[in-house]
């Protein structure tokens, strides 16, 4: 994982808020960013975001899906 602190910016309209976590008010947002997936905490946007490879993101989603089914 690579942490990219501000001022590295991704356009505001690129971020998608997770609907799964919205009910708990513990949201994360994701955005595609040049061969990577950016992830940030909705409540702490000023802290920047973390970049992971699309392969790592897909593996994470598979793991989460397998453990919540």
PDB file of N, CA and C in Angstrom:
ATOM      1  N   UNK A   1       0.835  -1.178   0.000  1.00  0.00           N
ATOM      2  CA  UNK A   1       0.000   0.000   0.000  1.00  0.00           C
ATOM      3  C   UNK A   1       0.878   1.238   0.000  1.00  0.00           C
ATOM      4  N   UNK A   2       0.375   2.255  -0.670  1.00  0.00           N
ATOM      5  CA  UNK A   2       1.075   3.525  -0.716  1.00  0.00           C
ATOM      6  C   UNK A   2       0.152   4.594  -0.190  1.00  0.00           C
ATOM      7  N   UNK A   3       0.588   5.317   0.815  1.00  0.00           N
ATOM      8  CA  UNK A   3      -0.217   6.419   1.335  1.00  0.00           C
ATOM      9  C   UNK A   3       0.185   7.688   0.616  1.00  0.00           C
ATOM     10  N   UNK A   4      -0.788   8.363   0.008  1.00  0.00           N
ATOM     11  CA  UNK A   4      -0.551   9.624  -0.681  1.00  0.00           C
ATOM     12  C   UNK A   4      -1.234  10.716   0.130  1.00  0.00           C
ATOM     13  N   UNK A   5      -0.460  11.506   0.859  1.00  0.00           N
ATOM     14  CA  UNK A   5      -1.082  12.551   1.678  1.00  0.00           C
ATOM     15  C   UNK A   5      -1.509  13.728   0.813  1.00  0.00           C
ATOM     16  N   UNK A   6      -2.359  14.600   1.337  1.00  0.00           N
ATOM     17  CA  UNK A   6      -2.654  15.827   0.604  1.00  0.00           C
ATOM     18  C   UNK A   6      -1.342  16.547   0.342  1.00  0.00           C
ATOM     19  N   UNK A   7      -1.170  17.270  -0.697  1.00  0.00           N
ATOM     20  CA  UNK A   7      -2.169  17.806  -1.608  1.00  0.00           C
ATOM     21  C   UNK A   7      -2.463  16.981  -2.845  1.00  0.00           C
ATOM     22  N   UNK A   8      -2.036  15.731  -2.938  1.00  0.00           N
ATOM     23  CA  UNK A   8      -2.396  14.928  -4.099  1.00  0.00           C
ATOM     24  C   UNK A   8      -3.913  14.860  -4.172  1.00  0.00           C
ATOM     25  N   UNK A   9      -4.451  15.285  -5.279  1.00  0.00           N
ATOM     26  CA  UNK A   9      -5.904  15.393  -5.383  1.00  0.00           C
ATOM     27  C   UNK A   9      -6.466  14.464  -6.436  1.00  0.00           C
ATOM     28  N   UNK A  10      -7.595  13.904  -6.137  1.00  0.00           N
ATOM     29  CA  UNK A  10      -8.412  13.153  -7.080  1.00  0.00           C
ATOM     30  C   UNK A  10      -9.693  13.972  -7.196  1.00  0.00           C
ATOM     31  N   UNK A  11     -10.190  14.175  -8.409  1.00  0.00           N
ATOM     32  CA  UNK A  11     -11.402  15.001  -8.558  1.00  0.00           C
ATOM     33  C   UNK A  11     -12.536  14.532  -7.649  1.00  0.00           C
ATOM     34  N   UNK A  12     -13.254  15.478  -7.097  1.00  0.00           N
ATOM     35  CA  UNK A  12     -14.329  15.167  -6.150  1.00  0.00           C
ATOM     36  C   UNK A  12     -15.371  14.230  -6.746  1.00  0.00           C
ATOM     37  N   UNK A  13     -15.643  14.354  -8.034  1.00  0.00           N
ATOM     38  CA  UNK A  13     -16.668  13.513  -8.642  1.00  0.00           C
ATOM     39  C   UNK A  13     -16.190  12.094  -8.937  1.00  0.00           C
ATOM     40  N   UNK A  14     -14.914  11.811  -8.670  1.00  0.00           N
ATOM     41  CA  UNK A  14     -14.377  10.458  -8.867  1.00  0.00           C
ATOM     42  C   UNK A  14     -14.641   9.548  -7.675  1.00  0.00           C
ATOM     43  N   UNK A  15     -14.935  10.138  -6.514  1.00  0.00           N
ATOM     44  CA  UNK A  15     -15.125   9.355  -5.293  1.00  0.00           C
ATOM     45  C   UNK A  15     -16.524   8.778  -5.209  1.00  0.00           C
ATOM     46  N   UNK A  16     -16.602   7.517  -4.796  1.00  0.00           N
ATOM     47  CA  UNK A  16     -17.872   6.823  -4.605  1.00  0.00           C
ATOM     48  C   UNK A  16     -17.942   6.394  -3.141  1.00  0.00           C
ATOM     49  N   UNK A  17     -19.026   6.772  -2.467  1.00  0.00           N
ATOM     50  CA  UNK A  17     -19.208   6.389  -1.069  1.00  0.00           C
ATOM     51  C   UNK A  17     -19.843   5.004  -1.003  1.00  0.00           C
ATOM     52  N   UNK A  18     -19.297   4.177  -0.132  1.00  0.00           N
ATOM     53  CA  UNK A  18     -19.832   2.835   0.050  1.00  0.00           C
ATOM     54  C   UNK A  18     -21.233   2.909   0.641  1.00  0.00           C
ATOM     55  N   UNK A  19     -22.195   2.297  -0.025  1.00  0.00           N
ATOM     56  CA  UNK A  19     -23.555   2.268   0.512  1.00  0.00           C
ATOM     57  C   UNK A  19     -23.679   1.240   1.623  1.00  0.00           C
ATOM     58  N   UNK A  20     -22.802   0.248   1.643  1.00  0.00           N
ATOM     59  CA  UNK A  20     -22.854  -0.795   2.666  1.00  0.00           C
ATOM     60  C   UNK A  20     -22.547  -0.229   4.046  1.00  0.00           C
ATOM     61  N   UNK A  21     -21.595   0.665   4.135  1.00  0.00           N
ATOM     62  CA  UNK A  21     -21.186   1.183   5.436  1.00  0.00           C
ATOM     63  C   UNK A  21     -21.969   2.424   5.852  1.00  0.00           C
ATOM     64  N   UNK A  22     -22.783   2.969   4.980  1.00  0.00           N
ATOM     65  CA  UNK A  22     -23.499   4.206   5.274  1.00  0.00           C
ATOM     66  C   UNK A  22     -24.451   4.084   6.458  1.00  0.00           C
ATOM     67  N   UNK A  23     -25.061   2.928   6.637  1.00  0.00           N
ATOM     68  CA  UNK A  23     -26.021   2.752   7.728  1.00  0.00           C
ATOM     69  C   UNK A  23     -25.363   2.904   9.096  1.00  0.00           C
ATOM     70  N   UNK A  24     -24.085   2.577   9.186  1.00  0.00           N
ATOM     71  CA  UNK A  24     -23.366   2.678  10.456  1.00  0.00           C
ATOM     72  C   UNK A  24     -22.660   4.019  10.622  1.00  0.00           C
ATOM     73  N   UNK A  25     -22.783   4.884   9.629  1.00  0.00           N
ATOM     74  CA  UNK A  25     -22.109   6.173   9.636  1.00  0.00           C
ATOM     75  C   UNK A  25     -20.597   6.009   9.726  1.00  0.00           C
ATOM     76  N   UNK A  26     -20.093   4.894   9.245  1.00  0.00           N
ATOM     77  CA  UNK A  26     -18.665   4.581   9.210  1.00  0.00           C
ATOM     78  C   UNK A  26     -18.285   4.341   7.749  1.00  0.00           C
ATOM     79  N   UNK A  27     -18.291   5.385   6.962  1.00  0.00           N
ATOM     80  CA  UNK A  27     -18.167   5.258   5.516  1.00  0.00           C
ATOM     81  C   UNK A  27     -16.727   5.334   5.021  1.00  0.00           C
ATOM     82  N   UNK A  28     -16.496   4.609   3.961  1.00  0.00           N
ATOM     83  CA  UNK A  28     -15.267   4.758   3.195  1.00  0.00           C
ATOM     84  C   UNK A  28     -15.677   5.149   1.785  1.00  0.00           C
ATOM     85  N   UNK A  29     -14.748   5.795   1.096  1.00  0.00           N
ATOM     86  CA  UNK A  29     -14.958   6.175  -0.285  1.00  0.00           C
ATOM     87  C   UNK A  29     -13.849   5.561  -1.121  1.00  0.00           C
ATOM     88  N   UNK A  30     -14.173   5.239  -2.356  1.00  0.00           N
ATOM     89  CA  UNK A  30     -13.174   4.696  -3.271  1.00  0.00           C
ATOM     90  C   UNK A  30     -13.206   5.481  -4.572  1.00  0.00           C
ATOM     91  N   UNK A  31     -12.060   5.494  -5.254  1.00  0.00           N
ATOM     92  CA  UNK A  31     -11.952   6.141  -6.561  1.00  0.00           C
ATOM     93  C   UNK A  31     -10.870   5.431  -7.361  1.00  0.00           C
ATOM     94  N   UNK A  32     -11.085   5.331  -8.653  1.00  0.00           N
ATOM     95  CA  UNK A  32     -10.054   4.789  -9.531  1.00  0.00           C
ATOM     96  C   UNK A  32      -9.060   5.903  -9.822  1.00  0.00           C
ATOM     97  N   UNK A  33      -7.783   5.579  -9.740  1.00  0.00           N
ATOM     98  CA  UNK A  33      -6.749   6.595  -9.954  1.00  0.00           C
ATOM     99  C   UNK A  33      -5.549   5.975 -10.663  1.00  0.00           C
ATOM    100  N   UNK A  34      -5.524   6.070 -11.977  1.00  0.00           N
ATOM    101  CA  UNK A  34      -4.391   5.590 -12.771  1.00  0.00           C
ATOM    102  C   UNK A  34      -3.852   4.227 -12.351  1.00  0.00           C
ATOM    103  N   UNK A  35      -4.535   3.218 -12.725  1.00  0.00           N
ATOM    104  CA  UNK A  35      -4.113   1.842 -12.442  1.00  0.00           C
ATOM    105  C   UNK A  35      -4.087   1.516 -10.954  1.00  0.00           C
ATOM    106  N   UNK A  36      -4.876   2.218 -10.178  1.00  0.00           N
ATOM    107  CA  UNK A  36      -4.930   1.971  -8.736  1.00  0.00           C
ATOM    108  C   UNK A  36      -6.336   2.286  -8.236  1.00  0.00           C
ATOM    109  N   UNK A  37      -6.611   1.841  -7.034  1.00  0.00           N
ATOM    110  CA  UNK A  37      -7.850   2.186  -6.351  1.00  0.00           C
ATOM    111  C   UNK A  37      -7.461   3.009  -5.129  1.00  0.00           C
ATOM    112  N   UNK A  38      -8.057   4.186  -5.008  1.00  0.00           N
ATOM    113  CA  UNK A  38      -7.807   5.050  -3.861  1.00  0.00           C
ATOM    114  C   UNK A  38      -8.914   4.817  -2.840  1.00  0.00           C
ATOM    115  N   UNK A  39      -8.541   4.771  -1.568  1.00  0.00           N
ATOM    116  CA  UNK A  39      -9.491   4.538  -0.482  1.00  0.00           C
ATOM    117  C   UNK A  39      -9.265   5.599   0.584  1.00  0.00           C
ATOM    118  N   UNK A  40     -10.354   6.180   1.062  1.00  0.00           N
ATOM    119  CA  UNK A  40     -10.235   7.176   2.132  1.00  0.00           C
ATOM    120  C   UNK A  40     -11.422   7.089   3.078  1.00  0.00           C
ATOM    121  N   UNK A  41     -11.242   7.650   4.249  1.00  0.00           N
ATOM    122  CA  UNK A  41     -12.280   7.711   5.274  1.00  0.00           C
ATOM    123  C   UNK A  41     -13.119   8.955   5.013  1.00  0.00           C
ATOM    124  N   UNK A  42     -14.419   8.785   4.876  1.00  0.00           N
ATOM    125  CA  UNK A  42     -15.305   9.908   4.586  1.00  0.00           C
ATOM    126  C   UNK A  42     -15.226  10.988   5.662  1.00  0.00           C
ATOM    127  N   UNK A  43     -15.071  10.593   6.917  1.00  0.00           N
ATOM    128  CA  UNK A  43     -15.027  11.565   8.017  1.00  0.00           C
ATOM    129  C   UNK A  43     -13.677  12.271   8.124  1.00  0.00           C
ATOM    130  N   UNK A  44     -12.639  11.702   7.512  1.00  0.00           N
ATOM    131  CA  UNK A  44     -11.294  12.277   7.638  1.00  0.00           C
ATOM    132  C   UNK A  44     -10.640  12.463   6.269  1.00  0.00           C
ATOM    133  N   UNK A  45     -11.351  13.074   5.360  1.00  0.00           N
ATOM    134  CA  UNK A  45     -10.825  13.285   4.008  1.00  0.00           C
ATOM    135  C   UNK A  45      -9.520  14.045   3.999  1.00  0.00           C
ATOM    136  N   UNK A  46      -9.347  14.946   4.938  1.00  0.00           N
ATOM    137  CA  UNK A  46      -8.138  15.771   4.999  1.00  0.00           C
ATOM    138  C   UNK A  46      -6.886  14.945   5.288  1.00  0.00           C
ATOM    139  N   UNK A  47      -7.046  13.733   5.755  1.00  0.00           N
ATOM    140  CA  UNK A  47      -5.900  12.865   6.058  1.00  0.00           C
ATOM    141  C   UNK A  47      -5.353  12.165   4.818  1.00  0.00           C
ATOM    142  N   UNK A  48      -5.999  12.380   3.681  1.00  0.00           N
ATOM    143  CA  UNK A  48      -5.506  11.790   2.451  1.00  0.00           C
ATOM    144  C   UNK A  48      -6.139  10.448   2.163  1.00  0.00           C
ATOM    145  N   UNK A  49      -5.492   9.692   1.302  1.00  0.00           N
ATOM    146  CA  UNK A  49      -6.025   8.408   0.879  1.00  0.00           C
ATOM    147  C   UNK A  49      -4.897   7.398   0.724  1.00  0.00           C
ATOM    148  N   UNK A  50      -5.276   6.158   0.624  1.00  0.00           N
ATOM    149  CA  UNK A  50      -4.338   5.061   0.416  1.00  0.00           C
ATOM    150  C   UNK A  50      -4.612   4.475  -0.952  1.00  0.00           C
ATOM    151  N   UNK A  51      -3.545   4.185  -1.689  1.00  0.00           N
ATOM    152  CA  UNK A  51      -3.683   3.552  -2.994  1.00  0.00           C
ATOM    153  C   UNK A  51      -3.336   2.076  -2.897  1.00  0.00           C
ATOM    154  N   UNK A  52      -4.160   1.250  -3.532  1.00  0.00           N
ATOM    155  CA  UNK A  52      -3.881  -0.180  -3.637  1.00  0.00           C
ATOM    156  C   UNK A  52      -4.056  -0.577  -5.101  1.00  0.00           C
ATOM    157  N   UNK A  53      -3.436  -1.658  -5.481  1.00  0.00           N
ATOM    158  CA  UNK A  53      -3.571  -2.127  -6.862  1.00  0.00           C
ATOM    159  C   UNK A  53      -4.995  -2.657  -7.081  1.00  0.00           C
ATOM    160  N   UNK A  54      -5.461  -2.628  -8.326  1.00  0.00           N
ATOM    161  CA  UNK A  54      -6.775  -3.203  -8.601  1.00  0.00           C
ATOM    162  C   UNK A  54      -6.854  -4.679  -8.199  1.00  0.00           C
ATOM    163  N   UNK A  55      -5.760  -5.410  -8.338  1.00  0.00           N
ATOM    164  CA  UNK A  55      -5.729  -6.814  -7.939  1.00  0.00           C
ATOM    165  C   UNK A  55      -5.911  -6.955  -6.430  1.00  0.00           C
ATOM    166  N   UNK A  56      -5.218  -6.120  -5.674  1.00  0.00           N
ATOM    167  CA  UNK A  56      -5.350  -6.151  -4.209  1.00  0.00           C
ATOM    168  C   UNK A  56      -6.761  -5.762  -3.787  1.00  0.00           C
ATOM    169  N   UNK A  57      -7.351  -4.766  -4.446  1.00  0.00           N
ATOM    170  CA  UNK A  57      -8.708  -4.336  -4.110  1.00  0.00           C
ATOM    171  C   UNK A  57      -9.711  -5.453  -4.388  1.00  0.00           C
ATOM    172  N   UNK A  58      -9.564  -6.114  -5.534  1.00  0.00           N
ATOM    173  CA  UNK A  58     -10.461  -7.221  -5.873  1.00  0.00           C
ATOM    174  C   UNK A  58     -10.334  -8.353  -4.856  1.00  0.00           C
ATOM    175  N   UNK A  59      -9.121  -8.656  -4.430  1.00  0.00           N
ATOM    176  CA  UNK A  59      -8.915  -9.701  -3.428  1.00  0.00           C
ATOM    177  C   UNK A  59      -9.563  -9.304  -2.099  1.00  0.00           C
ATOM    178  N   UNK A  60      -9.444  -8.052  -1.720  1.00  0.00           N
ATOM    179  CA  UNK A  60     -10.074  -7.557  -0.495  1.00  0.00           C
ATOM    180  C   UNK A  60     -11.590  -7.710  -0.578  1.00  0.00           C
ATOM    181  N   UNK A  61     -12.179  -7.303  -1.694  1.00  0.00           N
ATOM    182  CA  UNK A  61     -13.634  -7.416  -1.851  1.00  0.00           C
ATOM    183  C   UNK A  61     -14.083  -8.868  -1.824  1.00  0.00           C
ATOM    184  N   UNK A  62     -13.304  -9.762  -2.448  1.00  0.00           N
ATOM    185  CA  UNK A  62     -13.632 -11.185  -2.404  1.00  0.00           C
ATOM    186  C   UNK A  62     -13.613 -11.698  -0.974  1.00  0.00           C
ATOM    187  N   UNK A  63     -12.610 -11.298  -0.205  1.00  0.00           N
ATOM    188  CA  UNK A  63     -12.489 -11.728   1.187  1.00  0.00           C
ATOM    189  C   UNK A  63     -13.662 -11.215   2.030  1.00  0.00           C
ATOM    190  N   UNK A  64     -13.999  -9.954   1.861  1.00  0.00           N
ATOM    191  CA  UNK A  64     -15.116  -9.378   2.599  1.00  0.00           C
ATOM    192  C   UNK A  64     -16.413 -10.081   2.222  1.00  0.00           C
ATOM    193  N   UNK A  65     -16.617 -10.303   0.932  1.00  0.00           N
ATOM    194  CA  UNK A  65     -17.829 -10.985   0.480  1.00  0.00           C
ATOM    195  C   UNK A  65     -17.932 -12.386   1.048  1.00  0.00           C
ATOM    196  N   UNK A  66     -16.835 -13.100   1.081  1.00  0.00           N
ATOM    197  CA  UNK A  66     -16.824 -14.466   1.597  1.00  0.00           C
ATOM    198  C   UNK A  66     -17.125 -14.504   3.092  1.00  0.00           C
ATOM    199  N   UNK A  67     -16.724 -13.467   3.828  1.00  0.00           N
ATOM    200  CA  UNK A  67     -16.913 -13.457   5.270  1.00  0.00           C
ATOM    201  C   UNK A  67     -18.231 -12.834   5.709  1.00  0.00           C
ATOM    202  N   UNK A  68     -18.994 -12.279   4.773  1.00  0.00           N
ATOM    203  CA  UNK A  68     -20.283 -11.686   5.137  1.00  0.00           C
ATOM    204  C   UNK A  68     -21.449 -12.448   4.546  1.00  0.00           C
ATOM    205  N   UNK A  69     -21.160 -13.483   3.789  1.00  0.00           N
ATOM    206  CA  UNK A  69     -22.238 -14.255   3.136  1.00  0.00           C
ATOM    207  C   UNK A  69     -22.916 -15.183   4.113  1.00  0.00           C
TER     208      UNK A  69
END
